[in-house]
Amino acid sequence: MPLPEPDLTRLRAVLNERRHAAGFTFEQLAEASGISRQTLLNISSGKYNGDLRTWLKLSRTFGVSIDELLGDVWR
């Protein structure tokens, strides 16, 4: 059975929801994750989806698996 296509528009919401829940500013998240503030802003605004490395860093920073972080994107 084939996997459903991801809804990449959800990536923006995933980042924003997790960042707010963790209480991070963009500066704090950039420092904690090693991802540039500009990249985070671009994902947050929907201008960039990020790559696998970016999402792995974010999952580690938020203390969740990548499946947990991105699961809603695949529904």
Protein backbone atom coordinates (compact mmCIF):
# COMPACT_ATOMS: atom_id res chain seq x y z
CA MET A 1 0.00 0.00 0.00
CA PRO A 2 1.55 3.34 -1.02
CA LEU A 3 2.17 6.08 1.51
CA PRO A 4 0.05 9.20 1.25
CA GLU A 5 1.68 12.29 -0.16
CA PRO A 6 2.96 14.67 2.54
CA ASP A 7 1.22 17.98 3.09
CA LEU A 8 4.34 20.15 3.05
CA THR A 9 2.29 23.22 3.93
CA ARG A 10 2.05 21.68 7.45
CA LEU A 11 5.81 22.04 8.01
CA ARG A 12 5.33 25.70 8.78
CA ALA A 13 2.72 24.92 11.43
CA VAL A 14 4.82 22.12 12.94
CA LEU A 15 7.75 24.46 13.52
CA ASN A 16 5.62 27.29 14.89
CA GLU A 17 3.61 25.05 17.23
CA ARG A 18 6.68 23.27 18.61
CA ARG A 19 8.64 26.49 19.01
CA HIS A 20 5.81 28.15 20.94
CA ALA A 21 5.21 25.07 23.09
CA ALA A 22 8.91 24.94 23.99
CA GLY A 23 8.95 28.67 24.76
CA PHE A 24 11.76 29.41 22.32
CA THR A 25 12.32 32.65 20.50
CA PHE A 26 13.80 32.27 17.03
CA GLU A 27 17.17 33.36 18.45
CA GLN A 28 17.02 30.76 21.22
CA LEU A 29 15.96 27.99 18.84
CA ALA A 30 18.73 28.92 16.42
CA GLU A 31 21.31 28.75 19.18
CA ALA A 32 19.98 25.48 20.62
CA SER A 33 19.63 23.71 17.27
CA GLY A 34 22.56 25.06 15.29
CA ILE A 35 20.18 26.18 12.52
CA SER A 36 20.43 29.76 11.38
CA ARG A 37 17.74 32.17 12.53
CA GLN A 38 17.06 33.09 8.90
CA THR A 39 16.45 29.45 7.96
CA LEU A 40 14.03 29.10 10.86
CA LEU A 41 12.23 32.28 9.82
CA ASN A 42 11.99 31.02 6.24
CA ILE A 43 10.46 27.72 7.37
CA SER A 44 8.13 29.55 9.74
CA SER A 45 6.85 31.77 6.94
CA GLY A 46 6.53 28.93 4.41
CA LYS A 47 9.30 30.20 2.11
CA TYR A 48 11.45 27.10 2.71
CA ASN A 49 10.60 23.55 3.76
CA GLY A 50 13.96 22.63 5.20
CA ASP A 51 15.88 19.45 4.48
CA LEU A 52 16.27 16.22 6.38
CA ARG A 53 19.27 17.51 8.35
CA THR A 54 17.27 20.56 9.46
CA TRP A 55 14.35 18.47 10.70
CA LEU A 56 16.65 16.00 12.45
CA LYS A 57 18.30 18.87 14.32
CA LEU A 58 14.89 20.25 15.26
CA SER A 59 13.63 16.87 16.48
CA ARG A 60 16.69 16.52 18.71
CA THR A 61 16.32 20.06 20.00
CA PHE A 62 12.65 19.48 20.86
CA GLY A 63 13.46 16.07 22.38
CA VAL A 64 11.14 14.08 20.12
CA SER A 65 11.61 11.55 17.35
CA ILE A 66 11.43 12.77 13.79
CA ASP A 67 8.32 10.58 13.38
CA GLU A 68 6.64 12.40 16.24
CA LEU A 69 7.72 15.79 14.94
CA LEU A 70 6.62 15.24 11.33
CA GLY A 71 3.83 12.69 11.70
CA ASP A 72 1.05 15.21 11.00
CA VAL A 73 2.66 16.15 7.70
CA TRP A 74 1.95 12.64 6.39
CA ARG A 75 -1.76 12.49 7.31
